[in-house]
Amino acid sequence: GDLTYADGWSPRWETFGMMSEPLMSGVGTLSVVGNHEVSNGHYNGVDWMQRYPAPFRESGSPSAMYYSYNTGLVHVLGLNSYAPMDEHSPQYSFALQDLKNIDPVASPWVIVIFHAPWYSSNQEHYEETVVGQRALEGLFYEYGVDLVLSGHVHSYERTYPVYNSKVDWRGPIHICIGDGGNYGGPALPWREPQPEWSTFRE
């Protein structure tokens, strides 16, 4: 997410598209929405959906804001940090059915992507996504998610396998890779002491 920081200003999407065309015309990419596509500017992701369509229909999702697909030996589940995730929500129902239906022989690796991290020891956006974490973390653990990728916090942090804020070797590794491309510089400060689940941060 946060591809352009257009914040509701559509022409900035065109500028970003022209700048990134040499790369994106030869490399397949899929993304999920961030706060700068959804909330800032109040465009609710419309600019993103029209320019970077996701395979939501093919994956049985009722919304273009969350989807899944297989690539090689990997199953990827893309979710929306800014849509309801509670157990009564359409996004939760989709995630549950998707994780249940993964063929572990065809897709032994499961990666989940969403914008705002669940595990971050940076002061910036600290515990912003606790509600989504409470709703979905048990599903990720039960169905063997291997890796969770997120951004939003303008820093890099990698966890040990973690579940319920404790190192658990059956849990997924979480990687926050929000340090590339932002215009605000690195997010600081880090919270001290570094949590036991955090293996590296910069």
C-alpha atoms as a PDB file:
ATOM      1  CA  GLY A   1       0.000   0.000   0.000  1.00  0.00           C
ATOM      2  CA  ASP A   2       0.785   3.704  -0.123  1.00  0.00           C
ATOM      3  CA  LEU A   3       2.014   3.341  -3.683  1.00  0.00           C
ATOM      4  CA  THR A   4       1.824   7.022  -4.619  1.00  0.00           C
ATOM      5  CA  TYR A   5       0.912   9.122  -1.581  1.00  0.00           C
ATOM      6  CA  ALA A   6      -1.618  10.721  -3.929  1.00  0.00           C
ATOM      7  CA  ASP A   7      -4.004  11.225  -1.000  1.00  0.00           C
ATOM      8  CA  GLY A   8      -7.015  11.640  -3.255  1.00  0.00           C
ATOM      9  CA  TRP A   9      -5.260  13.663  -5.959  1.00  0.00           C
ATOM     10  CA  SER A  10      -5.745  11.518  -9.077  1.00  0.00           C
ATOM     11  CA  PRO A  11      -3.126  13.180 -11.340  1.00  0.00           C
ATOM     12  CA  ARG A  12      -0.394  12.018  -8.984  1.00  0.00           C
ATOM     13  CA  TRP A  13      -1.362   8.424  -9.869  1.00  0.00           C
ATOM     14  CA  GLU A  14      -0.614   9.184 -13.516  1.00  0.00           C
ATOM     15  CA  THR A  15       2.801  10.586 -12.614  1.00  0.00           C
ATOM     16  CA  PHE A  16       3.576   7.496 -10.552  1.00  0.00           C
ATOM     17  CA  GLY A  17       2.407   5.245 -13.388  1.00  0.00           C
ATOM     18  CA  MET A  18       4.698   6.936 -15.917  1.00  0.00           C
ATOM     19  CA  MET A  19       7.668   6.805 -13.556  1.00  0.00           C
ATOM     20  CA  SER A  20       7.168   3.132 -12.672  1.00  0.00           C
ATOM     21  CA  GLU A  21       6.197   1.863 -16.146  1.00  0.00           C
ATOM     22  CA  PRO A  22       9.740   0.759 -17.130  1.00  0.00           C
ATOM     23  CA  LEU A  23       9.799  -1.593 -14.138  1.00  0.00           C
ATOM     24  CA  MET A  24       6.164  -2.582 -13.828  1.00  0.00           C
ATOM     25  CA  SER A  25       5.712  -3.324 -17.524  1.00  0.00           C
ATOM     26  CA  GLY A  26       8.160  -6.210 -17.177  1.00  0.00           C
ATOM     27  CA  VAL A  27       7.650  -7.366 -13.589  1.00  0.00           C
ATOM     28  CA  GLY A  28       4.337  -8.668 -12.303  1.00  0.00           C
ATOM     29  CA  THR A  29       3.152  -6.920  -9.155  1.00  0.00           C
ATOM     30  CA  LEU A  30       0.172  -7.113  -6.831  1.00  0.00           C
ATOM     31  CA  SER A  31      -0.438  -4.832  -3.878  1.00  0.00           C
ATOM     32  CA  VAL A  32      -2.901  -4.188  -1.091  1.00  0.00           C
ATOM     33  CA  VAL A  33      -4.342  -0.827  -0.136  1.00  0.00           C
ATOM     34  CA  GLY A  34      -2.713   1.396   2.449  1.00  0.00           C
ATOM     35  CA  ASN A  35      -4.044   4.349   4.360  1.00  0.00           C
ATOM     36  CA  HIS A  36      -2.969   6.760   1.609  1.00  0.00           C
ATOM     37  CA  GLU A  37      -5.216   4.921  -0.869  1.00  0.00           C
ATOM     38  CA  VAL A  38      -8.168   4.454   1.465  1.00  0.00           C
ATOM     39  CA  SER A  39      -8.499   7.110   4.145  1.00  0.00           C
ATOM     40  CA  ASN A  40      -6.324  10.069   3.192  1.00  0.00           C
ATOM     41  CA  GLY A  41      -8.322  12.027   0.603  1.00  0.00           C
ATOM     42  CA  HIS A  42     -11.366   9.839   1.297  1.00  0.00           C
ATOM     43  CA  TYR A  43     -11.192   8.113  -2.099  1.00  0.00           C
ATOM     44  CA  ASN A  44     -11.729   4.666  -0.548  1.00  0.00           C
ATOM     45  CA  GLY A  45      -9.197   3.015  -2.832  1.00  0.00           C
ATOM     46  CA  VAL A  46     -10.971   3.852  -6.091  1.00  0.00           C
ATOM     47  CA  ASP A  47      -7.835   5.168  -7.818  1.00  0.00           C
ATOM     48  CA  TRP A  48      -5.876   2.087  -6.716  1.00  0.00           C
ATOM     49  CA  MET A  49      -8.595  -0.379  -7.804  1.00  0.00           C
ATOM     50  CA  GLN A  50      -8.867   1.136 -11.274  1.00  0.00           C
ATOM     51  CA  ARG A  51      -5.128   1.112 -11.929  1.00  0.00           C
ATOM     52  CA  TYR A  52      -3.892  -1.998 -10.096  1.00  0.00           C
ATOM     53  CA  PRO A  53      -6.648  -4.629 -10.239  1.00  0.00           C
ATOM     54  CA  ALA A  54      -6.315  -7.693  -8.029  1.00  0.00           C
ATOM     55  CA  PRO A  55      -7.615 -11.217  -8.774  1.00  0.00           C
ATOM     56  CA  PHE A  56     -10.430 -10.997  -6.261  1.00  0.00           C
ATOM     57  CA  ARG A  57     -13.161 -12.634  -8.377  1.00  0.00           C
ATOM     58  CA  GLU A  58     -10.887 -15.544  -9.265  1.00  0.00           C
ATOM     59  CA  SER A  59     -10.243 -16.151  -5.571  1.00  0.00           C
ATOM     60  CA  GLY A  60     -13.915 -15.959  -4.561  1.00  0.00           C
ATOM     61  CA  SER A  61     -13.595 -12.652  -2.720  1.00  0.00           C
ATOM     62  CA  PRO A  62     -16.623 -10.345  -2.612  1.00  0.00           C
ATOM     63  CA  SER A  63     -14.344  -7.282  -2.656  1.00  0.00           C
ATOM     64  CA  ALA A  64     -11.446  -5.981  -4.750  1.00  0.00           C
ATOM     65  CA  MET A  65      -9.854  -4.930  -1.451  1.00  0.00           C
ATOM     66  CA  TYR A  66      -8.869  -8.484  -0.445  1.00  0.00           C
ATOM     67  CA  TYR A  67      -7.952 -11.515  -2.513  1.00  0.00           C
ATOM     68  CA  SER A  68      -5.684 -14.540  -2.818  1.00  0.00           C
ATOM     69  CA  TYR A  69      -3.684 -16.330  -5.480  1.00  0.00           C
ATOM     70  CA  ASN A  70      -1.143 -19.089  -5.962  1.00  0.00           C
ATOM     71  CA  THR A  71       2.299 -18.572  -7.431  1.00  0.00           C
ATOM     72  CA  GLY A  72       4.659 -21.518  -7.642  1.00  0.00           C
ATOM     73  CA  LEU A  73       4.656 -23.278  -4.268  1.00  0.00           C
ATOM     74  CA  VAL A  74       3.289 -20.216  -2.461  1.00  0.00           C
ATOM     75  CA  HIS A  75      -0.264 -19.236  -1.571  1.00  0.00           C
ATOM     76  CA  VAL A  76      -0.639 -15.474  -1.035  1.00  0.00           C
ATOM     77  CA  LEU A  77      -3.537 -13.929   0.868  1.00  0.00           C
ATOM     78  CA  GLY A  78      -3.876 -10.148   0.549  1.00  0.00           C
ATOM     79  CA  LEU A  79      -6.020  -8.358   3.138  1.00  0.00           C
ATOM     80  CA  ASN A  80      -7.197  -4.802   3.818  1.00  0.00           C
ATOM     81  CA  SER A  81      -6.011  -3.302   7.112  1.00  0.00           C
ATOM     82  CA  TYR A  82      -8.748  -0.648   6.892  1.00  0.00           C
ATOM     83  CA  ALA A  83     -11.817  -2.866   6.440  1.00  0.00           C
ATOM     84  CA  PRO A  84     -13.546  -4.693   9.287  1.00  0.00           C
ATOM     85  CA  MET A  85     -11.771  -7.918  10.288  1.00  0.00           C
ATOM     86  CA  ASP A  86     -14.001  -9.144  13.122  1.00  0.00           C
ATOM     87  CA  GLU A  87     -15.516 -12.620  12.902  1.00  0.00           C
ATOM     88  CA  HIS A  88     -18.804 -11.262  11.522  1.00  0.00           C
ATOM     89  CA  SER A  89     -17.148  -9.361   8.673  1.00  0.00           C
ATOM     90  CA  PRO A  90     -16.996 -10.443   5.020  1.00  0.00           C
ATOM     91  CA  GLN A  91     -13.192 -10.109   5.103  1.00  0.00           C
ATOM     92  CA  TYR A  92     -12.918 -12.538   8.036  1.00  0.00           C
ATOM     93  CA  SER A  93     -15.230 -15.027   6.286  1.00  0.00           C
ATOM     94  CA  PHE A  94     -13.157 -14.816   3.126  1.00  0.00           C
ATOM     95  CA  ALA A  95      -9.861 -15.266   5.002  1.00  0.00           C
ATOM     96  CA  LEU A  96     -11.241 -18.269   6.914  1.00  0.00           C
ATOM     97  CA  GLN A  97     -12.514 -20.034   3.790  1.00  0.00           C
ATOM     98  CA  ASP A  98      -9.366 -19.223   1.861  1.00  0.00           C
ATOM     99  CA  LEU A  99      -7.037 -20.585   4.538  1.00  0.00           C
ATOM    100  CA  LYS A 100      -9.203 -23.689   5.002  1.00  0.00           C
ATOM    101  CA  ASN A 101      -9.056 -24.492   1.290  1.00  0.00           C
ATOM    102  CA  ILE A 102      -5.297 -24.260   0.755  1.00  0.00           C
ATOM    103  CA  ASP A 103      -3.829 -27.449  -0.695  1.00  0.00           C
ATOM    104  CA  PRO A 104      -0.682 -27.972   1.419  1.00  0.00           C
ATOM    105  CA  VAL A 105       0.886 -30.214  -1.235  1.00  0.00           C
ATOM    106  CA  ALA A 106       0.494 -27.676  -4.038  1.00  0.00           C
ATOM    107  CA  SER A 107       1.130 -24.656  -1.776  1.00  0.00           C
ATOM    108  CA  PRO A 108       3.302 -25.616   1.207  1.00  0.00           C
ATOM    109  CA  TRP A 109       4.153 -21.942   1.883  1.00  0.00           C
ATOM    110  CA  VAL A 110       1.517 -19.425   2.960  1.00  0.00           C
ATOM    111  CA  ILE A 111       2.203 -15.681   2.928  1.00  0.00           C
ATOM    112  CA  VAL A 112      -0.247 -13.012   4.095  1.00  0.00           C
ATOM    113  CA  ILE A 113       0.149  -9.369   3.083  1.00  0.00           C
ATOM    114  CA  PHE A 114      -1.571  -6.310   4.514  1.00  0.00           C
ATOM    115  CA  HIS A 115      -0.575  -2.721   5.111  1.00  0.00           C
ATOM    116  CA  ALA A 116      -0.409  -1.943   8.835  1.00  0.00           C
ATOM    117  CA  PRO A 117       1.809  -4.265  10.916  1.00  0.00           C
ATOM    118  CA  TRP A 118       0.632  -6.249  13.908  1.00  0.00           C
ATOM    119  CA  TYR A 119       4.131  -6.557  15.320  1.00  0.00           C
ATOM    120  CA  SER A 120       6.115  -3.338  15.444  1.00  0.00           C
ATOM    121  CA  SER A 121       8.172  -1.956  18.299  1.00  0.00           C
ATOM    122  CA  ASN A 122       8.401   1.465  16.677  1.00  0.00           C
ATOM    123  CA  GLN A 123       6.606   4.336  18.410  1.00  0.00           C
ATOM    124  CA  GLU A 124       5.045   5.340  15.072  1.00  0.00           C
ATOM    125  CA  HIS A 125       1.564   3.784  14.641  1.00  0.00           C
ATOM    126  CA  TYR A 126       2.143   1.703  17.774  1.00  0.00           C
ATOM    127  CA  GLU A 127      -0.607  -0.921  18.332  1.00  0.00           C
ATOM    128  CA  GLU A 128      -2.744   0.688  15.631  1.00  0.00           C
ATOM    129  CA  THR A 129      -4.040  -2.686  14.409  1.00  0.00           C
ATOM    130  CA  VAL A 130      -4.803  -4.518  17.647  1.00  0.00           C
ATOM    131  CA  VAL A 131      -8.443  -5.148  16.675  1.00  0.00           C
ATOM    132  CA  GLY A 132      -7.505  -6.917  13.429  1.00  0.00           C
ATOM    133  CA  GLN A 133      -4.776  -8.866  15.181  1.00  0.00           C
ATOM    134  CA  ARG A 134      -7.189 -10.135  17.839  1.00  0.00           C
ATOM    135  CA  ALA A 135      -9.619 -11.264  15.157  1.00  0.00           C
ATOM    136  CA  LEU A 136      -7.274 -12.987  12.725  1.00  0.00           C
ATOM    137  CA  GLU A 137      -4.095 -14.041  14.500  1.00  0.00           C
ATOM    138  CA  GLY A 138      -5.644 -17.302  15.702  1.00  0.00           C
ATOM    139  CA  LEU A 139      -6.623 -18.210  12.135  1.00  0.00           C
ATOM    140  CA  PHE A 140      -3.095 -17.587  10.889  1.00  0.00           C
ATOM    141  CA  TYR A 141      -1.735 -19.818  13.639  1.00  0.00           C
ATOM    142  CA  GLU A 142      -4.304 -22.578  13.140  1.00  0.00           C
ATOM    143  CA  TYR A 143      -3.827 -22.764   9.381  1.00  0.00           C
ATOM    144  CA  GLY A 144      -0.050 -22.536   9.376  1.00  0.00           C
ATOM    145  CA  VAL A 145       0.702 -19.132   7.865  1.00  0.00           C
ATOM    146  CA  ASP A 146       4.476 -18.945   7.403  1.00  0.00           C
ATOM    147  CA  LEU A 147       5.127 -15.267   6.745  1.00  0.00           C
ATOM    148  CA  VAL A 148       3.276 -11.963   7.172  1.00  0.00           C
ATOM    149  CA  LEU A 149       4.460  -8.928   5.169  1.00  0.00           C
ATOM    150  CA  SER A 150       3.367  -5.393   5.991  1.00  0.00           C
ATOM    151  CA  GLY A 151       4.508  -1.779   5.645  1.00  0.00           C
ATOM    152  CA  HIS A 152       2.991   1.487   6.967  1.00  0.00           C
ATOM    153  CA  VAL A 153       5.645   2.101   9.634  1.00  0.00           C
ATOM    154  CA  HIS A 154       8.601   3.732   7.865  1.00  0.00           C
ATOM    155  CA  SER A 155      11.193   1.330   9.189  1.00  0.00           C
ATOM    156  CA  TYR A 156      12.302  -2.297   8.887  1.00  0.00           C
ATOM    157  CA  GLU A 157      11.590  -4.884  11.546  1.00  0.00           C
ATOM    158  CA  ARG A 158      11.637  -8.676  11.483  1.00  0.00           C
ATOM    159  CA  THR A 159      10.276 -10.976  14.167  1.00  0.00           C
ATOM    160  CA  TYR A 160      11.004 -14.466  15.293  1.00  0.00           C
ATOM    161  CA  PRO A 161       8.100 -16.832  14.649  1.00  0.00           C
ATOM    162  CA  VAL A 162       5.506 -15.278  16.949  1.00  0.00           C
ATOM    163  CA  TYR A 163       1.997 -15.823  18.246  1.00  0.00           C
ATOM    164  CA  ASN A 164       0.079 -13.819  20.841  1.00  0.00           C
ATOM    165  CA  SER A 165       3.125 -11.564  21.411  1.00  0.00           C
ATOM    166  CA  LYS A 166       5.340 -14.482  22.396  1.00  0.00           C
ATOM    167  CA  VAL A 167       8.030 -16.323  20.444  1.00  0.00           C
ATOM    168  CA  ASP A 168       6.345 -19.490  19.168  1.00  0.00           C
ATOM    169  CA  TRP A 169       8.054 -21.618  16.559  1.00  0.00           C
ATOM    170  CA  ARG A 170       4.693 -22.622  15.046  1.00  0.00           C
ATOM    171  CA  GLY A 171       3.762 -18.992  14.450  1.00  0.00           C
ATOM    172  CA  PRO A 172       4.525 -16.891  11.380  1.00  0.00           C
ATOM    173  CA  ILE A 173       7.457 -14.547  10.979  1.00  0.00           C
ATOM    174  CA  HIS A 174       6.309 -10.931  10.562  1.00  0.00           C
ATOM    175  CA  ILE A 175       8.336  -8.512   8.444  1.00  0.00           C
ATOM    176  CA  CYS A 176       7.545  -4.807   8.318  1.00  0.00           C
ATOM    177  CA  ILE A 177       9.124  -3.347   5.189  1.00  0.00           C
ATOM    178  CA  GLY A 178       7.773   0.185   5.328  1.00  0.00           C
ATOM    179  CA  ASP A 179      11.103   1.911   4.856  1.00  0.00           C
ATOM    180  CA  GLY A 180      11.200   2.201   1.062  1.00  0.00           C
ATOM    181  CA  GLY A 181       9.891   5.128  -0.939  1.00  0.00           C
ATOM    182  CA  ASN A 182       8.394   7.231   1.828  1.00  0.00           C
ATOM    183  CA  TYR A 183       9.009  10.966   1.842  1.00  0.00           C
ATOM    184  CA  GLY A 184       9.059  11.436   5.605  1.00  0.00           C
ATOM    185  CA  GLY A 185      12.300   9.684   6.475  1.00  0.00           C
ATOM    186  CA  PRO A 186      12.708   6.787   8.895  1.00  0.00           C
ATOM    187  CA  ALA A 187      10.189   6.336  11.685  1.00  0.00           C
ATOM    188  CA  LEU A 188      11.640   6.959  15.134  1.00  0.00           C
ATOM    189  CA  PRO A 189      11.966   6.370  18.014  1.00  0.00           C
ATOM    190  CA  TRP A 190      12.069   2.660  18.716  1.00  0.00           C
ATOM    191  CA  ARG A 191      10.414   1.504  21.917  1.00  0.00           C
ATOM    192  CA  GLU A 192      12.802   0.188  24.549  1.00  0.00           C
ATOM    193  CA  PRO A 193      13.560  -2.440  25.571  1.00  0.00           C
ATOM    194  CA  GLN A 194      13.334  -4.335  22.287  1.00  0.00           C
ATOM    195  CA  PRO A 195      10.594  -6.988  22.678  1.00  0.00           C
ATOM    196  CA  GLU A 196      11.635 -10.638  22.828  1.00  0.00           C
ATOM    197  CA  TRP A 197       9.746 -11.367  19.603  1.00  0.00           C
ATOM    198  CA  SER A 198      11.721  -8.729  17.639  1.00  0.00           C
ATOM    199  CA  THR A 199      14.879 -10.179  16.123  1.00  0.00           C
ATOM    200  CA  PHE A 200      16.082  -7.209  14.018  1.00  0.00           C
ATOM    201  CA  ARG A 201      15.043  -3.613  13.478  1.00  0.00           C
ATOM    202  CA  GLU A 202      16.499  -0.553  11.760  1.00  0.00           C
END
